[in-house]
Amino acid sequence: MAEQADSYVGMELLDPTIDFVGLARSLGVKAERAKTVHEATDLVAQALKNGGPMLIDVTLDRAFKPM
């Protein structure tokens, strides 16, 4: 039923929005936000090079529906 209504109780993290980058940083974890594919791939490369934990928050188009 939830899939038909496209509403998942407890899984929609939009209201209120959560600043995952700020939350990660407040816990001592390196974190960055990527707005493009290029930024995301650069951040993944940086994380792999540096080692250790890193949160990469990737902005997605909410209208996109996978096939």
PDB file of N, CA and C in Angstrom:
ATOM      1  N   MET A   1       0.824  -1.189   0.000  1.00  0.00           N
ATOM      2  CA  MET A   1       0.000   0.000   0.000  1.00  0.00           C
ATOM      3  C   MET A   1       0.872   1.258   0.000  1.00  0.00           C
ATOM      4  N   ALA A   2       1.950   1.258   0.770  1.00  0.00           N
ATOM      5  CA  ALA A   2       2.815   2.437   0.822  1.00  0.00           C
ATOM      6  C   ALA A   2       3.419   2.726  -0.545  1.00  0.00           C
ATOM      7  N   GLU A   3       3.783   1.651  -1.268  1.00  0.00           N
ATOM      8  CA  GLU A   3       4.375   1.844  -2.595  1.00  0.00           C
ATOM      9  C   GLU A   3       3.360   2.473  -3.548  1.00  0.00           C
ATOM     10  N   GLN A   4       2.119   2.053  -3.470  1.00  0.00           N
ATOM     11  CA  GLN A   4       1.084   2.598  -4.341  1.00  0.00           C
ATOM     12  C   GLN A   4       0.845   4.077  -4.062  1.00  0.00           C
ATOM     13  N   ALA A   5       0.904   4.456  -2.802  1.00  0.00           N
ATOM     14  CA  ALA A   5       0.678   5.850  -2.415  1.00  0.00           C
ATOM     15  C   ALA A   5       1.954   6.675  -2.506  1.00  0.00           C
ATOM     16  N   ASP A   6       3.097   6.005  -2.751  1.00  0.00           N
ATOM     17  CA  ASP A   6       4.408   6.657  -2.786  1.00  0.00           C
ATOM     18  C   ASP A   6       4.651   7.450  -1.509  1.00  0.00           C
ATOM     19  N   SER A   7       4.246   6.859  -0.383  1.00  0.00           N
ATOM     20  CA  SER A   7       4.407   7.482   0.921  1.00  0.00           C
ATOM     21  C   SER A   7       4.903   6.432   1.905  1.00  0.00           C
ATOM     22  N   TYR A   8       6.094   6.656   2.445  1.00  0.00           N
ATOM     23  CA  TYR A   8       6.706   5.691   3.340  1.00  0.00           C
ATOM     24  C   TYR A   8       6.898   6.338   4.712  1.00  0.00           C
ATOM     25  N   VAL A   9       6.057   5.983   5.645  1.00  0.00           N
ATOM     26  CA  VAL A   9       6.077   6.563   6.977  1.00  0.00           C
ATOM     27  C   VAL A   9       7.418   6.289   7.641  1.00  0.00           C
ATOM     28  N   GLY A  10       8.035   7.349   8.157  1.00  0.00           N
ATOM     29  CA  GLY A  10       9.305   7.229   8.852  1.00  0.00           C
ATOM     30  C   GLY A  10      10.510   7.167   7.936  1.00  0.00           C
ATOM     31  N   MET A  11      10.290   7.202   6.624  1.00  0.00           N
ATOM     32  CA  MET A  11      11.399   7.113   5.679  1.00  0.00           C
ATOM     33  C   MET A  11      11.573   8.383   4.863  1.00  0.00           C
ATOM     34  N   GLU A  12      10.616   9.287   4.890  1.00  0.00           N
ATOM     35  CA  GLU A  12      10.732  10.546   4.171  1.00  0.00           C
ATOM     36  C   GLU A  12      11.476  11.531   5.065  1.00  0.00           C
ATOM     37  N   LEU A  13      12.665  11.908   4.649  1.00  0.00           N
ATOM     38  CA  LEU A  13      13.507  12.761   5.478  1.00  0.00           C
ATOM     39  C   LEU A  13      13.516  14.186   4.935  1.00  0.00           C
ATOM     40  N   LEU A  14      12.340  14.679   4.567  1.00  0.00           N
ATOM     41  CA  LEU A  14      12.238  16.000   3.959  1.00  0.00           C
ATOM     42  C   LEU A  14      11.649  17.050   4.892  1.00  0.00           C
ATOM     43  N   ASP A  15      10.843  16.628   5.828  1.00  0.00           N
ATOM     44  CA  ASP A  15      10.155  17.600   6.666  1.00  0.00           C
ATOM     45  C   ASP A  15      10.202  17.140   8.110  1.00  0.00           C
ATOM     46  N   PRO A  16      11.042  17.655   8.928  1.00  0.00           N
ATOM     47  CA  PRO A  16      12.013  18.711   8.629  1.00  0.00           C
ATOM     48  C   PRO A  16      13.237  18.120   7.924  1.00  0.00           C
ATOM     49  N   THR A  17      13.896  18.942   7.145  1.00  0.00           N
ATOM     50  CA  THR A  17      15.097  18.489   6.454  1.00  0.00           C
ATOM     51  C   THR A  17      16.223  18.267   7.464  1.00  0.00           C
ATOM     52  N   ILE A  18      17.083  17.332   7.158  1.00  0.00           N
ATOM     53  CA  ILE A  18      18.210  17.018   8.027  1.00  0.00           C
ATOM     54  C   ILE A  18      19.487  17.417   7.304  1.00  0.00           C
ATOM     55  N   ASP A  19      20.322  18.169   7.966  1.00  0.00           N
ATOM     56  CA  ASP A  19      21.609  18.571   7.397  1.00  0.00           C
ATOM     57  C   ASP A  19      22.613  17.480   7.754  1.00  0.00           C
ATOM     58  N   PHE A  20      22.701  16.464   6.888  1.00  0.00           N
ATOM     59  CA  PHE A  20      23.582  15.338   7.164  1.00  0.00           C
ATOM     60  C   PHE A  20      25.049  15.744   7.173  1.00  0.00           C
ATOM     61  N   VAL A  21      25.416  16.715   6.342  1.00  0.00           N
ATOM     62  CA  VAL A  21      26.802  17.192   6.324  1.00  0.00           C
ATOM     63  C   VAL A  21      27.138  17.832   7.670  1.00  0.00           C
ATOM     64  N   GLY A  22      26.288  18.706   8.140  1.00  0.00           N
ATOM     65  CA  GLY A  22      26.508  19.346   9.436  1.00  0.00           C
ATOM     66  C   GLY A  22      26.502  18.346  10.580  1.00  0.00           C
ATOM     67  N   LEU A  23      25.599  17.373  10.503  1.00  0.00           N
ATOM     68  CA  LEU A  23      25.518  16.349  11.543  1.00  0.00           C
ATOM     69  C   LEU A  23      26.799  15.526  11.577  1.00  0.00           C
ATOM     70  N   ALA A  24      27.272  15.097  10.399  1.00  0.00           N
ATOM     71  CA  ALA A  24      28.510  14.308  10.346  1.00  0.00           C
ATOM     72  C   ALA A  24      29.687  15.105  10.885  1.00  0.00           C
ATOM     73  N   ARG A  25      29.797  16.350  10.438  1.00  0.00           N
ATOM     74  CA  ARG A  25      30.911  17.194  10.902  1.00  0.00           C
ATOM     75  C   ARG A  25      30.866  17.392  12.411  1.00  0.00           C
ATOM     76  N   SER A  26      29.652  17.525  12.965  1.00  0.00           N
ATOM     77  CA  SER A  26      29.537  17.727  14.416  1.00  0.00           C
ATOM     78  C   SER A  26      30.010  16.505  15.191  1.00  0.00           C
ATOM     79  N   LEU A  27      30.050  15.362  14.515  1.00  0.00           N
ATOM     80  CA  LEU A  27      30.524  14.125  15.145  1.00  0.00           C
ATOM     81  C   LEU A  27      31.968  13.808  14.773  1.00  0.00           C
ATOM     82  N   GLY A  28      32.628  14.763  14.116  1.00  0.00           N
ATOM     83  CA  GLY A  28      34.037  14.591  13.785  1.00  0.00           C
ATOM     84  C   GLY A  28      34.304  13.825  12.499  1.00  0.00           C
ATOM     85  N   VAL A  29      33.277  13.648  11.674  1.00  0.00           N
ATOM     86  CA  VAL A  29      33.433  12.931  10.411  1.00  0.00           C
ATOM     87  C   VAL A  29      33.549  13.947   9.279  1.00  0.00           C
ATOM     88  N   LYS A  30      34.534  13.759   8.411  1.00  0.00           N
ATOM     89  CA  LYS A  30      34.677  14.624   7.249  1.00  0.00           C
ATOM     90  C   LYS A  30      33.432  14.457   6.386  1.00  0.00           C
ATOM     91  N   ALA A  31      32.876  15.564   5.896  1.00  0.00           N
ATOM     92  CA  ALA A  31      31.648  15.496   5.111  1.00  0.00           C
ATOM     93  C   ALA A  31      31.609  16.627   4.091  1.00  0.00           C
ATOM     94  N   GLU A  32      31.103  16.301   2.903  1.00  0.00           N
ATOM     95  CA  GLU A  32      30.968  17.277   1.826  1.00  0.00           C
ATOM     96  C   GLU A  32      29.659  17.012   1.092  1.00  0.00           C
ATOM     97  N   ARG A  33      29.168  18.046   0.419  1.00  0.00           N
ATOM     98  CA  ARG A  33      27.950  17.934  -0.381  1.00  0.00           C
ATOM     99  C   ARG A  33      28.313  18.025  -1.857  1.00  0.00           C
ATOM    100  N   ALA A  34      27.792  17.104  -2.672  1.00  0.00           N
ATOM    101  CA  ALA A  34      28.036  17.098  -4.112  1.00  0.00           C
ATOM    102  C   ALA A  34      26.742  17.468  -4.835  1.00  0.00           C
ATOM    103  N   LYS A  35      26.845  18.441  -5.747  1.00  0.00           N
ATOM    104  CA  LYS A  35      25.668  18.858  -6.515  1.00  0.00           C
ATOM    105  C   LYS A  35      25.712  18.365  -7.953  1.00  0.00           C
ATOM    106  N   THR A  36      26.868  17.854  -8.383  1.00  0.00           N
ATOM    107  CA  THR A  36      26.997  17.349  -9.741  1.00  0.00           C
ATOM    108  C   THR A  36      27.670  15.980  -9.701  1.00  0.00           C
ATOM    109  N   VAL A  37      27.563  15.253 -10.800  1.00  0.00           N
ATOM    110  CA  VAL A  37      28.226  13.952 -10.898  1.00  0.00           C
ATOM    111  C   VAL A  37      29.738  14.137 -10.786  1.00  0.00           C
ATOM    112  N   HIS A  38      30.255  15.174 -11.431  1.00  0.00           N
ATOM    113  CA  HIS A  38      31.688  15.450 -11.374  1.00  0.00           C
ATOM    114  C   HIS A  38      32.146  15.690  -9.931  1.00  0.00           C
ATOM    115  N   GLU A  39      31.407  16.486  -9.186  1.00  0.00           N
ATOM    116  CA  GLU A  39      31.750  16.730  -7.779  1.00  0.00           C
ATOM    117  C   GLU A  39      31.714  15.419  -6.989  1.00  0.00           C
ATOM    118  N   ALA A  40      30.708  14.594  -7.238  1.00  0.00           N
ATOM    119  CA  ALA A  40      30.573  13.333  -6.503  1.00  0.00           C
ATOM    120  C   ALA A  40      31.752  12.402  -6.783  1.00  0.00           C
ATOM    121  N   THR A  41      32.127  12.272  -8.055  1.00  0.00           N
ATOM    122  CA  THR A  41      33.245  11.377  -8.375  1.00  0.00           C
ATOM    123  C   THR A  41      34.557  11.912  -7.815  1.00  0.00           C
ATOM    124  N   ASP A  42      34.737  13.228  -7.829  1.00  0.00           N
ATOM    125  CA  ASP A  42      35.941  13.810  -7.223  1.00  0.00           C
ATOM    126  C   ASP A  42      35.990  13.530  -5.723  1.00  0.00           C
ATOM    127  N   LEU A  43      34.838  13.645  -5.057  1.00  0.00           N
ATOM    128  CA  LEU A  43      34.799  13.401  -3.618  1.00  0.00           C
ATOM    129  C   LEU A  43      35.033  11.935  -3.284  1.00  0.00           C
ATOM    130  N   VAL A  44      34.519  11.034  -4.103  1.00  0.00           N
ATOM    131  CA  VAL A  44      34.772   9.604  -3.880  1.00  0.00           C
ATOM    132  C   VAL A  44      36.269   9.322  -4.023  1.00  0.00           C
ATOM    133  N   ALA A  45      36.884   9.889  -5.064  1.00  0.00           N
ATOM    134  CA  ALA A  45      38.328   9.700  -5.259  1.00  0.00           C
ATOM    135  C   ALA A  45      39.109  10.249  -4.071  1.00  0.00           C
ATOM    136  N   GLN A  46      38.708  11.424  -3.580  1.00  0.00           N
ATOM    137  CA  GLN A  46      39.369  12.044  -2.431  1.00  0.00           C
ATOM    138  C   GLN A  46      39.221  11.165  -1.194  1.00  0.00           C
ATOM    139  N   ALA A  47      38.023  10.629  -0.975  1.00  0.00           N
ATOM    140  CA  ALA A  47      37.778   9.775   0.197  1.00  0.00           C
ATOM    141  C   ALA A  47      38.622   8.511   0.137  1.00  0.00           C
ATOM    142  N   LEU A  48      38.713   7.908  -1.037  1.00  0.00           N
ATOM    143  CA  LEU A  48      39.519   6.693  -1.184  1.00  0.00           C
ATOM    144  C   LEU A  48      41.002   6.981  -0.979  1.00  0.00           C
ATOM    145  N   LYS A  49      41.443   8.131  -1.445  1.00  0.00           N
ATOM    146  CA  LYS A  49      42.852   8.516  -1.298  1.00  0.00           C
ATOM    147  C   LYS A  49      43.208   8.765   0.166  1.00  0.00           C
ATOM    148  N   ASN A  50      42.332   9.481   0.873  1.00  0.00           N
ATOM    149  CA  ASN A  50      42.614   9.869   2.257  1.00  0.00           C
ATOM    150  C   ASN A  50      42.362   8.753   3.257  1.00  0.00           C
ATOM    151  N   GLY A  51      41.500   7.818   2.930  1.00  0.00           N
ATOM    152  CA  GLY A  51      41.140   6.758   3.873  1.00  0.00           C
ATOM    153  C   GLY A  51      40.297   7.319   5.007  1.00  0.00           C
ATOM    154  N   GLY A  52      39.799   6.476   5.839  1.00  0.00           N
ATOM    155  CA  GLY A  52      38.957   6.909   6.946  1.00  0.00           C
ATOM    156  C   GLY A  52      37.558   7.239   6.485  1.00  0.00           C
ATOM    157  N   PRO A  53      36.689   7.527   7.429  1.00  0.00           N
ATOM    158  CA  PRO A  53      35.291   7.789   7.084  1.00  0.00           C
ATOM    159  C   PRO A  53      35.096   9.148   6.424  1.00  0.00           C
ATOM    160  N   MET A  54      34.155   9.212   5.509  1.00  0.00           N
ATOM    161  CA  MET A  54      33.756  10.469   4.872  1.00  0.00           C
ATOM    162  C   MET A  54      32.325  10.325   4.384  1.00  0.00           C
ATOM    163  N   LEU A  55      31.493  11.269   4.739  1.00  0.00           N
ATOM    164  CA  LEU A  55      30.123  11.296   4.256  1.00  0.00           C
ATOM    165  C   LEU A  55      30.071  12.170   3.017  1.00  0.00           C
ATOM    166  N   ILE A  56      29.462  11.653   1.953  1.00  0.00           N
ATOM    167  CA  ILE A  56      29.254  12.430   0.736  1.00  0.00           C
ATOM    168  C   ILE A  56      27.755  12.521   0.525  1.00  0.00           C
ATOM    169  N   ASP A  57      27.219  13.718   0.683  1.00  0.00           N
ATOM    170  CA  ASP A  57      25.792  13.961   0.510  1.00  0.00           C
ATOM    171  C   ASP A  57      25.568  14.364  -0.942  1.00  0.00           C
ATOM    172  N   VAL A  58      24.845  13.520  -1.690  1.00  0.00           N
ATOM    173  CA  VAL A  58      24.624  13.761  -3.115  1.00  0.00           C
ATOM    174  C   VAL A  58      23.190  14.233  -3.328  1.00  0.00           C
ATOM    175  N   THR A  59      23.046  15.390  -3.953  1.00  0.00           N
ATOM    176  CA  THR A  59      21.729  15.939  -4.256  1.00  0.00           C
ATOM    177  C   THR A  59      21.142  15.201  -5.448  1.00  0.00           C
ATOM    178  N   LEU A  60      19.924  14.673  -5.290  1.00  0.00           N
ATOM    179  CA  LEU A  60      19.248  13.946  -6.356  1.00  0.00           C
ATOM    180  C   LEU A  60      17.982  14.683  -6.770  1.00  0.00           C
ATOM    181  N   ASP A  61      17.607  14.503  -8.011  1.00  0.00           N
ATOM    182  CA  ASP A  61      16.357  15.048  -8.523  1.00  0.00           C
ATOM    183  C   ASP A  61      15.224  14.162  -8.022  1.00  0.00           C
ATOM    184  N   ARG A  62      14.372  14.693  -7.158  1.00  0.00           N
ATOM    185  CA  ARG A  62      13.286  13.904  -6.559  1.00  0.00           C
ATOM    186  C   ARG A  62      12.269  13.450  -7.593  1.00  0.00           C
ATOM    187  N   ALA A  63      12.242  14.054  -8.760  1.00  0.00           N
ATOM    188  CA  ALA A  63      11.286  13.664  -9.801  1.00  0.00           C
ATOM    189  C   ALA A  63      11.753  12.420 -10.552  1.00  0.00           C
ATOM    190  N   PHE A  64      13.029  12.051 -10.409  1.00  0.00           N
ATOM    191  CA  PHE A  64      13.559  10.891 -11.112  1.00  0.00           C
ATOM    192  C   PHE A  64      12.952   9.603 -10.581  1.00  0.00           C
ATOM    193  N   LYS A  65      12.445   8.784 -11.470  1.00  0.00           N
ATOM    194  CA  LYS A  65      11.902   7.485 -11.097  1.00  0.00           C
ATOM    195  C   LYS A  65      12.665   6.421 -11.877  1.00  0.00           C
ATOM    196  N   PRO A  66      13.360   5.505 -11.189  1.00  0.00           N
ATOM    197  CA  PRO A  66      14.110   4.462 -11.899  1.00  0.00           C
ATOM    198  C   PRO A  66      13.167   3.584 -12.709  1.00  0.00           C
ATOM    199  N   MET A  67      13.726   3.020 -13.759  1.00  0.00           N
ATOM    200  CA  MET A  67      12.903   2.177 -14.647  1.00  0.00           C
ATOM    201  C   MET A  67      12.734   0.791 -14.079  1.00  0.00           C
TER     202      MET A  67
END
